[in-house]
Amino acid sequence: MKKIILVLGLSVLLVSCGSSFQSFYNNHKADMGTTSFQVPNFMKAVLGNISPEVKNAIGNISDFKYIKFQNVDALKRQSLISEMSAVTNSGFKDVFRKNELVNTRIISVIEIGPVVTDAIIFNSTESETTAFYLQGNFDPEKIKTFADEDAFNTFSNDLIQNYQMNLNPSFNPKD
């Protein structure tokens, strides 16, 4: 993987030239202020236990990665947006792209016939940047619904909550 270093005044900006979501994820999972997880193979069963609402929204998941950046400055945010654009320009098709100063939303997919097999759902505001990578078999119409900010936020919250509940089952000493 190549890396390019741009010198801007006294600042150094590291820009990754990797063009996969996995590269993006690996390059940033240890960044300060970042929350991330990917579902390993031994936990794929957890994905089958997601709520009916989330399952209806996305379908069957075989791979799931999530990364959230908080408290990023404008330069870091722009770098993340540029990197995600490079990822989605490498074999993905944009279902939706909105580039505004206060909000950038990208929904890109890989299709095989009428089925979406890979989806990247990326949202960047001035306060946080979030990216999901989903692999499986999805209804393209359901993926398109994430263009709506409320639908995206509801989906994000439900999916994260369901994942965390299944990751940390409650302990009941009476059983």
N, C-alpha and C. Protein backbone atom coordinates (compact mmCIF):
# COMPACT_ATOMS: atom_id res chain seq x y z
N MET A 1 0.84 -1.17 0.00
CA MET A 1 0.00 0.00 0.00
C MET A 1 0.89 1.23 0.00
N LYS A 2 0.61 2.15 -0.87
CA LYS A 2 1.37 3.39 -0.95
C LYS A 2 0.79 4.42 -0.01
N LYS A 3 1.64 5.28 0.49
CA LYS A 3 1.17 6.41 1.29
C LYS A 3 1.82 7.65 0.73
N ILE A 4 1.07 8.72 0.73
CA ILE A 4 1.57 9.99 0.25
C ILE A 4 1.57 10.95 1.42
N ILE A 5 2.66 11.66 1.60
CA ILE A 5 2.73 12.65 2.66
C ILE A 5 2.71 14.03 2.02
N LEU A 6 1.74 14.84 2.40
CA LEU A 6 1.62 16.20 1.91
C LEU A 6 2.05 17.14 3.03
N VAL A 7 2.94 18.04 2.75
CA VAL A 7 3.38 19.00 3.74
C VAL A 7 2.65 20.30 3.49
N LEU A 8 1.88 20.73 4.48
CA LEU A 8 1.08 21.95 4.38
C LEU A 8 1.53 22.89 5.49
N GLY A 9 2.39 23.82 5.17
CA GLY A 9 2.92 24.71 6.21
C GLY A 9 3.70 23.88 7.20
N LEU A 10 3.29 23.91 8.47
CA LEU A 10 3.96 23.12 9.49
C LEU A 10 3.25 21.80 9.76
N SER A 11 2.11 21.59 9.09
CA SER A 11 1.34 20.37 9.32
C SER A 11 1.72 19.31 8.30
N VAL A 12 1.64 18.07 8.71
CA VAL A 12 1.87 16.95 7.81
C VAL A 12 0.58 16.16 7.76
N LEU A 13 0.10 15.90 6.54
CA LEU A 13 -1.14 15.16 6.34
C LEU A 13 -0.79 13.85 5.66
N LEU A 14 -1.17 12.74 6.26
CA LEU A 14 -0.91 11.44 5.70
C LEU A 14 -2.17 10.98 4.98
N VAL A 15 -2.06 10.72 3.69
CA VAL A 15 -3.20 10.30 2.90
C VAL A 15 -2.95 8.89 2.41
N SER A 16 -3.85 8.00 2.72
CA SER A 16 -3.71 6.61 2.30
C SER A 16 -4.23 6.45 0.88
N CYS A 17 -3.53 5.64 0.12
CA CYS A 17 -3.97 5.38 -1.24
C CYS A 17 -4.62 4.01 -1.34
N GLY A 18 -4.89 3.35 -0.20
CA GLY A 18 -5.59 2.08 -0.23
C GLY A 18 -7.00 2.30 -0.75
N SER A 19 -7.52 1.31 -1.47
CA SER A 19 -8.82 1.53 -2.08
C SER A 19 -9.84 0.49 -1.64
N SER A 20 -9.70 -0.02 -0.43
CA SER A 20 -10.71 -0.94 0.08
C SER A 20 -11.19 -0.44 1.43
N PHE A 21 -12.38 -0.86 1.80
CA PHE A 21 -12.88 -0.46 3.11
C PHE A 21 -12.00 -1.05 4.20
N GLN A 22 -11.51 -2.27 3.99
CA GLN A 22 -10.65 -2.89 4.99
C GLN A 22 -9.40 -2.05 5.21
N SER A 23 -8.81 -1.51 4.15
CA SER A 23 -7.64 -0.64 4.28
C SER A 23 -7.99 0.63 5.05
N PHE A 24 -9.12 1.23 4.70
CA PHE A 24 -9.59 2.43 5.41
C PHE A 24 -9.75 2.12 6.89
N TYR A 25 -10.41 1.01 7.18
CA TYR A 25 -10.65 0.59 8.56
C TYR A 25 -9.33 0.37 9.30
N ASN A 26 -8.42 -0.40 8.69
CA ASN A 26 -7.15 -0.70 9.34
C ASN A 26 -6.32 0.57 9.58
N ASN A 27 -6.38 1.51 8.64
CA ASN A 27 -5.61 2.74 8.77
C ASN A 27 -6.11 3.64 9.89
N HIS A 28 -7.37 3.49 10.29
CA HIS A 28 -7.95 4.43 11.25
C HIS A 28 -8.47 3.82 12.55
N LYS A 29 -8.51 2.52 12.67
CA LYS A 29 -9.11 1.92 13.87
C LYS A 29 -8.40 2.31 15.16
N ALA A 30 -7.15 2.69 15.09
CA ALA A 30 -6.42 3.08 16.29
C ALA A 30 -6.32 4.60 16.45
N ASP A 31 -6.97 5.36 15.59
CA ASP A 31 -6.96 6.82 15.71
C ASP A 31 -7.59 7.24 17.04
N MET A 32 -7.06 8.27 17.64
CA MET A 32 -7.61 8.80 18.88
C MET A 32 -9.04 9.30 18.63
N GLY A 33 -9.95 8.98 19.53
CA GLY A 33 -11.34 9.42 19.40
C GLY A 33 -12.17 8.55 18.48
N THR A 34 -11.66 7.36 18.13
CA THR A 34 -12.35 6.47 17.20
C THR A 34 -12.93 5.28 17.94
N THR A 35 -14.16 4.91 17.57
CA THR A 35 -14.79 3.68 18.04
C THR A 35 -14.94 2.80 16.81
N SER A 36 -14.52 1.54 16.91
CA SER A 36 -14.63 0.68 15.74
C SER A 36 -14.81 -0.77 16.16
N PHE A 37 -15.42 -1.54 15.29
CA PHE A 37 -15.46 -2.98 15.46
C PHE A 37 -15.76 -3.64 14.13
N GLN A 38 -15.30 -4.88 14.03
CA GLN A 38 -15.67 -5.72 12.91
C GLN A 38 -16.08 -7.05 13.50
N VAL A 39 -17.00 -7.71 12.85
CA VAL A 39 -17.53 -8.96 13.38
C VAL A 39 -16.67 -10.10 12.86
N PRO A 40 -15.94 -10.79 13.76
CA PRO A 40 -15.12 -11.92 13.32
C PRO A 40 -15.99 -13.12 12.97
N ASN A 41 -15.42 -14.07 12.25
CA ASN A 41 -16.19 -15.23 11.78
C ASN A 41 -16.89 -15.97 12.91
N PHE A 42 -16.22 -16.13 14.05
CA PHE A 42 -16.83 -16.91 15.13
C PHE A 42 -18.06 -16.21 15.73
N MET A 43 -18.26 -14.92 15.41
CA MET A 43 -19.41 -14.20 15.94
C MET A 43 -20.47 -13.92 14.88
N LYS A 44 -20.37 -14.54 13.73
CA LYS A 44 -21.35 -14.30 12.67
C LYS A 44 -22.77 -14.63 13.14
N ALA A 45 -22.91 -15.57 14.06
CA ALA A 45 -24.23 -15.92 14.58
C ALA A 45 -24.90 -14.73 15.24
N VAL A 46 -24.11 -13.82 15.81
CA VAL A 46 -24.67 -12.62 16.45
C VAL A 46 -25.47 -11.82 15.43
N LEU A 47 -24.99 -11.79 14.19
CA LEU A 47 -25.69 -11.02 13.17
C LEU A 47 -27.05 -11.60 12.84
N GLY A 48 -27.21 -12.88 13.08
CA GLY A 48 -28.52 -13.50 12.84
C GLY A 48 -29.52 -13.14 13.92
N ASN A 49 -29.07 -12.58 15.03
CA ASN A 49 -29.95 -12.26 16.15
C ASN A 49 -30.33 -10.79 16.21
N ILE A 50 -30.07 -10.04 15.15
CA ILE A 50 -30.42 -8.63 15.18
C ILE A 50 -31.93 -8.47 15.15
N SER A 51 -32.39 -7.33 15.53
CA SER A 51 -33.84 -7.11 15.65
C SER A 51 -34.52 -7.27 14.29
N PRO A 52 -35.81 -7.62 14.30
CA PRO A 52 -36.54 -7.76 13.04
C PRO A 52 -36.54 -6.47 12.21
N GLU A 53 -36.56 -5.31 12.89
CA GLU A 53 -36.56 -4.04 12.17
C GLU A 53 -35.27 -3.85 11.39
N VAL A 54 -34.14 -4.13 12.06
CA VAL A 54 -32.85 -3.98 11.40
C VAL A 54 -32.70 -5.03 10.30
N LYS A 55 -33.08 -6.26 10.61
CA LYS A 55 -32.99 -7.34 9.61
C LYS A 55 -33.83 -6.99 8.38
N ASN A 56 -35.01 -6.44 8.58
CA ASN A 56 -35.87 -6.04 7.48
C ASN A 56 -35.22 -4.93 6.66
N ALA A 57 -34.50 -4.05 7.32
CA ALA A 57 -33.88 -2.93 6.62
C ALA A 57 -32.71 -3.37 5.75
N ILE A 58 -31.98 -4.39 6.17
CA ILE A 58 -30.76 -4.72 5.43
C ILE A 58 -30.70 -6.12 4.86
N GLY A 59 -31.41 -7.08 5.41
CA GLY A 59 -31.34 -8.44 4.87
C GLY A 59 -30.30 -9.28 5.59
N ASN A 60 -29.65 -10.16 4.85
CA ASN A 60 -28.67 -11.09 5.42
C ASN A 60 -27.27 -10.48 5.37
N ILE A 61 -26.58 -10.50 6.50
CA ILE A 61 -25.24 -9.93 6.59
C ILE A 61 -24.23 -11.07 6.78
N SER A 62 -23.16 -11.06 5.98
CA SER A 62 -22.08 -12.02 6.20
C SER A 62 -20.81 -11.34 6.69
N ASP A 63 -20.71 -10.02 6.53
CA ASP A 63 -19.56 -9.27 7.03
C ASP A 63 -20.05 -7.89 7.45
N PHE A 64 -19.51 -7.40 8.54
CA PHE A 64 -19.96 -6.12 9.08
C PHE A 64 -18.79 -5.43 9.76
N LYS A 65 -18.51 -4.21 9.32
CA LYS A 65 -17.47 -3.38 9.93
C LYS A 65 -18.08 -2.02 10.21
N TYR A 66 -17.63 -1.41 11.29
CA TYR A 66 -18.16 -0.12 11.72
C TYR A 66 -17.01 0.71 12.27
N ILE A 67 -17.01 1.98 11.94
CA ILE A 67 -16.02 2.88 12.51
C ILE A 67 -16.65 4.27 12.66
N LYS A 68 -16.41 4.87 13.83
CA LYS A 68 -16.95 6.21 14.11
C LYS A 68 -15.83 7.08 14.64
N PHE A 69 -15.71 8.27 14.06
CA PHE A 69 -14.72 9.26 14.47
C PHE A 69 -15.44 10.40 15.15
N GLN A 70 -14.96 10.80 16.33
CA GLN A 70 -15.54 11.94 17.03
C GLN A 70 -14.47 13.00 17.22
N ASN A 71 -14.91 14.22 17.32
CA ASN A 71 -14.01 15.35 17.61
C ASN A 71 -12.86 15.48 16.61
N VAL A 72 -13.19 15.37 15.31
CA VAL A 72 -12.16 15.55 14.30
C VAL A 72 -12.19 17.00 13.81
N ASP A 73 -11.02 17.52 13.51
CA ASP A 73 -10.98 18.89 12.98
C ASP A 73 -11.34 18.86 11.49
N ALA A 74 -11.47 20.04 10.90
CA ALA A 74 -11.91 20.16 9.51
C ALA A 74 -10.95 19.47 8.55
N LEU A 75 -9.66 19.54 8.81
CA LEU A 75 -8.66 18.92 7.94
C LEU A 75 -8.78 17.40 7.97
N LYS A 76 -8.91 16.82 9.16
CA LYS A 76 -9.07 15.37 9.31
C LYS A 76 -10.38 14.92 8.67
N ARG A 77 -11.43 15.67 8.87
CA ARG A 77 -12.72 15.33 8.29
C ARG A 77 -12.63 15.30 6.77
N GLN A 78 -12.01 16.30 6.18
CA GLN A 78 -11.87 16.34 4.73
C GLN A 78 -11.02 15.17 4.23
N SER A 79 -10.00 14.81 5.00
CA SER A 79 -9.16 13.67 4.64
C SER A 79 -9.98 12.37 4.64
N LEU A 80 -10.82 12.19 5.66
CA LEU A 80 -11.67 11.00 5.74
C LEU A 80 -12.64 10.93 4.56
N ILE A 81 -13.22 12.07 4.22
CA ILE A 81 -14.15 12.12 3.08
C ILE A 81 -13.42 11.76 1.79
N SER A 82 -12.22 12.29 1.61
CA SER A 82 -11.44 11.99 0.40
C SER A 82 -11.06 10.52 0.33
N GLU A 83 -10.65 9.96 1.46
CA GLU A 83 -10.31 8.54 1.49
C GLU A 83 -11.52 7.67 1.17
N MET A 84 -12.68 8.01 1.74
CA MET A 84 -13.87 7.22 1.46
C MET A 84 -14.28 7.35 0.01
N SER A 85 -14.10 8.50 -0.58
CA SER A 85 -14.38 8.67 -2.01
C SER A 85 -13.48 7.77 -2.84
N ALA A 86 -12.22 7.64 -2.46
CA ALA A 86 -11.30 6.74 -3.17
C ALA A 86 -11.76 5.29 -3.05
N VAL A 87 -12.23 4.90 -1.87
CA VAL A 87 -12.73 3.54 -1.67
C VAL A 87 -13.95 3.29 -2.55
N THR A 88 -14.91 4.21 -2.53
CA THR A 88 -16.14 4.00 -3.29
C THR A 88 -15.93 4.14 -4.80
N ASN A 89 -14.85 4.75 -5.20
CA ASN A 89 -14.54 4.86 -6.64
C ASN A 89 -13.84 3.62 -7.17
N SER A 90 -13.60 2.64 -6.33
CA SER A 90 -12.90 1.43 -6.77
C SER A 90 -13.86 0.24 -6.84
N GLY A 91 -14.77 0.27 -7.78
CA GLY A 91 -15.67 -0.85 -8.01
C GLY A 91 -17.07 -0.69 -7.44
N PHE A 92 -17.31 0.34 -6.69
CA PHE A 92 -18.64 0.59 -6.13
C PHE A 92 -19.41 1.55 -7.02
N LYS A 93 -20.73 1.49 -6.92
CA LYS A 93 -21.61 2.44 -7.61
C LYS A 93 -22.32 3.27 -6.56
N ASP A 94 -22.35 4.56 -6.77
CA ASP A 94 -23.05 5.43 -5.84
C ASP A 94 -24.55 5.29 -6.00
N VAL A 95 -25.23 5.00 -4.90
CA VAL A 95 -26.68 5.02 -4.86
C VAL A 95 -27.12 6.43 -4.50
N PHE A 96 -26.30 7.05 -3.62
CA PHE A 96 -26.61 8.40 -3.15
C PHE A 96 -25.32 9.05 -2.70
N ARG A 97 -25.17 10.31 -3.05
CA ARG A 97 -24.01 11.08 -2.61
C ARG A 97 -24.48 12.51 -2.40
N LYS A 98 -24.22 13.02 -1.20
CA LYS A 98 -24.58 14.40 -0.86
C LYS A 98 -23.34 15.05 -0.27
N ASN A 99 -22.84 16.07 -0.94
CA ASN A 99 -21.64 16.77 -0.48
C ASN A 99 -22.02 18.19 -0.11
N GLU A 100 -22.10 18.43 1.18
CA GLU A 100 -22.38 19.77 1.68
C GLU A 100 -21.34 20.10 2.74
N LEU A 101 -21.20 21.36 3.01
CA LEU A 101 -20.22 21.80 3.99
C LEU A 101 -20.46 21.15 5.36
N VAL A 102 -21.71 21.06 5.78
CA VAL A 102 -22.01 20.53 7.11
C VAL A 102 -22.32 19.04 7.13
N ASN A 103 -22.57 18.43 5.97
CA ASN A 103 -22.93 17.01 5.94
C ASN A 103 -22.55 16.40 4.60
N THR A 104 -21.78 15.33 4.67
CA THR A 104 -21.48 14.53 3.49
C THR A 104 -22.01 13.13 3.75
N ARG A 105 -22.83 12.62 2.85
CA ARG A 105 -23.39 11.28 2.98
C ARG A 105 -23.13 10.55 1.67
N ILE A 106 -22.57 9.34 1.78
CA ILE A 106 -22.28 8.51 0.62
C ILE A 106 -22.87 7.13 0.87
N ILE A 107 -23.64 6.65 -0.07
CA ILE A 107 -24.12 5.28 -0.04
C ILE A 107 -23.69 4.66 -1.36
N SER A 108 -22.77 3.71 -1.29
CA SER A 108 -22.24 3.06 -2.48
C SER A 108 -22.37 1.55 -2.34
N VAL A 109 -22.61 0.89 -3.48
CA VAL A 109 -22.87 -0.55 -3.45
C VAL A 109 -22.13 -1.26 -4.58
N ILE A 110 -21.99 -2.56 -4.41
CA ILE A 110 -21.61 -3.47 -5.48
C ILE A 110 -22.82 -4.36 -5.70
N GLU A 111 -23.23 -4.49 -6.95
CA GLU A 111 -24.41 -5.28 -7.30
C GLU A 111 -24.02 -6.49 -8.14
N ILE A 112 -24.75 -7.56 -7.94
CA ILE A 112 -24.72 -8.70 -8.84
C ILE A 112 -26.17 -8.93 -9.23
N GLY A 113 -26.49 -8.55 -10.46
CA GLY A 113 -27.88 -8.60 -10.90
C GLY A 113 -28.73 -7.67 -10.05
N PRO A 114 -29.86 -8.17 -9.57
CA PRO A 114 -30.75 -7.30 -8.77
C PRO A 114 -30.42 -7.28 -7.28
N VAL A 115 -29.30 -7.88 -6.89
CA VAL A 115 -28.97 -8.00 -5.47
C VAL A 115 -27.73 -7.17 -5.16
N VAL A 116 -27.79 -6.42 -4.08
CA VAL A 116 -26.63 -5.69 -3.58
C VAL A 116 -25.85 -6.67 -2.70
N THR A 117 -24.55 -6.82 -3.00
CA THR A 117 -23.72 -7.75 -2.23
C THR A 117 -22.80 -7.04 -1.24
N ASP A 118 -22.47 -5.79 -1.51
CA ASP A 118 -21.61 -5.00 -0.64
C ASP A 118 -22.18 -3.59 -0.57
N ALA A 119 -22.18 -3.03 0.62
CA ALA A 119 -22.67 -1.66 0.78
C ALA A 119 -21.78 -0.90 1.75
N ILE A 120 -21.48 0.33 1.39
CA ILE A 120 -20.78 1.25 2.28
C ILE A 120 -21.73 2.40 2.54
N ILE A 121 -21.96 2.67 3.81
CA ILE A 121 -22.83 3.76 4.22
C ILE A 121 -21.97 4.69 5.06
N PHE A 122 -21.72 5.88 4.53
CA PHE A 122 -20.78 6.83 5.12
C PHE A 122 -21.52 8.13 5.40
N ASN A 123 -21.33 8.67 6.58
CA ASN A 123 -21.96 9.93 6.95
C ASN A 123 -20.96 10.77 7.73
N SER A 124 -20.77 12.01 7.30
CA SER A 124 -19.82 12.88 7.97
C SER A 124 -20.45 14.24 8.24
N THR A 125 -20.54 14.59 9.52
CA THR A 125 -21.02 15.91 9.92
C THR A 125 -19.86 16.62 10.61
N GLU A 126 -20.09 17.85 11.02
CA GLU A 126 -19.04 18.59 11.70
C GLU A 126 -18.72 17.98 13.07
N SER A 127 -19.63 17.19 13.64
CA SER A 127 -19.39 16.63 14.97
C SER A 127 -18.92 15.18 14.96
N GLU A 128 -19.25 14.41 13.92
CA GLU A 128 -18.78 13.03 13.86
C GLU A 128 -18.84 12.49 12.44
N THR A 129 -18.03 11.48 12.21
CA THR A 129 -18.01 10.78 10.92
C THR A 129 -18.19 9.30 11.22
N THR A 130 -19.12 8.67 10.49
CA THR A 130 -19.45 7.27 10.70
C THR A 130 -19.40 6.54 9.37
N ALA A 131 -18.89 5.30 9.40
CA ALA A 131 -18.88 4.48 8.19
C ALA A 131 -19.23 3.04 8.56
N PHE A 132 -20.10 2.45 7.75
CA PHE A 132 -20.47 1.04 7.86
C PHE A 132 -20.05 0.34 6.58
N TYR A 133 -19.60 -0.89 6.72
CA TYR A 133 -19.39 -1.75 5.56
C TYR A 133 -20.22 -2.99 5.81
N LEU A 134 -21.08 -3.34 4.88
CA LEU A 134 -21.95 -4.51 5.00
C LEU A 134 -21.75 -5.38 3.77
N GLN A 135 -21.61 -6.68 4.01
CA GLN A 135 -21.53 -7.63 2.91
C GLN A 135 -22.58 -8.68 3.15
N GLY A 136 -23.29 -9.08 2.12
CA GLY A 136 -24.35 -10.07 2.23
C GLY A 136 -25.24 -9.99 1.01
N ASN A 137 -26.53 -10.20 1.21
CA ASN A 137 -27.52 -10.08 0.14
C ASN A 137 -28.58 -9.10 0.61
N PHE A 138 -28.65 -7.95 -0.07
CA PHE A 138 -29.52 -6.88 0.37
C PHE A 138 -30.45 -6.43 -0.75
N ASP A 139 -31.60 -5.98 -0.37
CA ASP A 139 -32.55 -5.37 -1.29
C ASP A 139 -32.07 -3.95 -1.59
N PRO A 140 -31.80 -3.63 -2.87
CA PRO A 140 -31.31 -2.29 -3.21
C PRO A 140 -32.23 -1.16 -2.75
N GLU A 141 -33.53 -1.39 -2.76
CA GLU A 141 -34.48 -0.36 -2.34
C GLU A 141 -34.31 -0.04 -0.86
N LYS A 142 -34.02 -1.07 -0.05
CA LYS A 142 -33.81 -0.84 1.38
C LYS A 142 -32.54 -0.04 1.62
N ILE A 143 -31.49 -0.34 0.87
CA ILE A 143 -30.23 0.39 1.02
C ILE A 143 -30.44 1.86 0.66
N LYS A 144 -31.24 2.14 -0.34
CA LYS A 144 -31.51 3.52 -0.76
C LYS A 144 -32.17 4.35 0.34
N THR A 145 -32.91 3.70 1.23
CA THR A 145 -33.60 4.44 2.28
C THR A 145 -32.63 5.16 3.22
N PHE A 146 -31.36 4.73 3.25
CA PHE A 146 -30.39 5.37 4.14
C PHE A 146 -29.97 6.75 3.66
N ALA A 147 -30.45 7.16 2.50
CA ALA A 147 -30.20 8.53 2.04
C ALA A 147 -30.92 9.52 2.96
N ASP A 148 -32.01 9.07 3.57
CA ASP A 148 -32.74 9.91 4.52
C ASP A 148 -32.00 9.91 5.85
N GLU A 149 -31.70 11.10 6.36
CA GLU A 149 -30.90 11.23 7.58
C GLU A 149 -31.55 10.53 8.78
N ASP A 150 -32.86 10.65 8.94
CA ASP A 150 -33.53 10.00 10.06
C ASP A 150 -33.44 8.48 9.95
N ALA A 151 -33.64 7.96 8.73
CA ALA A 151 -33.54 6.51 8.53
C ALA A 151 -32.13 6.02 8.82
N PHE A 152 -31.13 6.78 8.38
CA PHE A 152 -29.73 6.41 8.63
C PHE A 152 -29.45 6.40 10.13
N ASN A 153 -29.86 7.44 10.84
CA ASN A 153 -29.60 7.53 12.28
C ASN A 153 -30.31 6.42 13.05
N THR A 154 -31.55 6.13 12.70
CA THR A 154 -32.29 5.05 13.35
C THR A 154 -31.62 3.71 13.11
N PHE A 155 -31.25 3.46 11.84
CA PHE A 155 -30.56 2.23 11.49
C PHE A 155 -29.26 2.10 12.28
N SER A 156 -28.46 3.16 12.30
CA SER A 156 -27.17 3.14 12.99
C SER A 156 -27.36 2.81 14.47
N ASN A 157 -28.26 3.52 15.11
CA ASN A 157 -28.50 3.30 16.54
C ASN A 157 -29.00 1.89 16.82
N ASP A 158 -29.96 1.40 16.02
CA ASP A 158 -30.51 0.06 16.22
C ASP A 158 -29.45 -1.01 16.01
N LEU A 159 -28.67 -0.88 14.96
CA LEU A 159 -27.67 -1.89 14.65
C LEU A 159 -26.59 -1.94 15.72
N ILE A 160 -26.11 -0.78 16.13
CA ILE A 160 -25.07 -0.74 17.17
C ILE A 160 -25.61 -1.28 18.48
N GLN A 161 -26.82 -0.88 18.85
CA GLN A 161 -27.42 -1.35 20.10
C GLN A 161 -27.61 -2.86 20.09
N ASN A 162 -28.14 -3.40 18.97
CA ASN A 162 -28.34 -4.85 18.87
C ASN A 162 -27.02 -5.59 18.92
N TYR A 163 -26.01 -5.08 18.25
CA TYR A 163 -24.70 -5.72 18.25
C TYR A 163 -24.12 -5.73 19.66
N GLN A 164 -24.17 -4.60 20.34
CA GLN A 164 -23.61 -4.51 21.68
C GLN A 164 -24.36 -5.41 22.66
N MET A 165 -25.68 -5.50 22.53
CA MET A 165 -26.45 -6.38 23.42
C MET A 165 -26.05 -7.83 23.22
N ASN A 166 -25.84 -8.24 21.98
CA ASN A 166 -25.45 -9.62 21.70
C ASN A 166 -23.99 -9.88 22.05
N LEU A 167 -23.18 -8.85 22.01
CA LEU A 167 -21.77 -8.98 22.35
C LEU A 167 -21.58 -9.10 23.86
N ASN A 168 -22.43 -8.40 24.62
CA ASN A 168 -22.34 -8.38 26.08
C ASN A 168 -23.64 -8.92 26.67
N PRO A 169 -23.85 -10.23 26.62
CA PRO A 169 -25.10 -10.77 27.17
C PRO A 169 -25.19 -10.53 28.67
N SER A 170 -26.42 -10.39 29.14
CA SER A 170 -26.59 -10.12 30.57
C SER A 170 -26.23 -11.36 31.37
N PHE A 171 -25.79 -11.14 32.59
CA PHE A 171 -25.40 -12.24 33.47
C PHE A 171 -26.51 -12.41 34.48
N ASN A 172 -27.06 -13.62 34.52
CA ASN A 172 -28.12 -13.93 35.45
C ASN A 172 -27.65 -15.06 36.36
N PRO A 173 -27.25 -14.76 37.59
CA PRO A 173 -26.70 -15.79 38.49
C PRO A 173 -27.73 -16.83 38.92
N LYS A 174 -29.01 -16.61 38.72
CA LYS A 174 -30.03 -17.56 39.16
C LYS A 174 -30.20 -18.71 38.18
N ASP A 175 -29.65 -18.59 36.98
CA ASP A 175 -29.80 -19.67 35.99
C ASP A 175 -28.72 -20.72 36.14
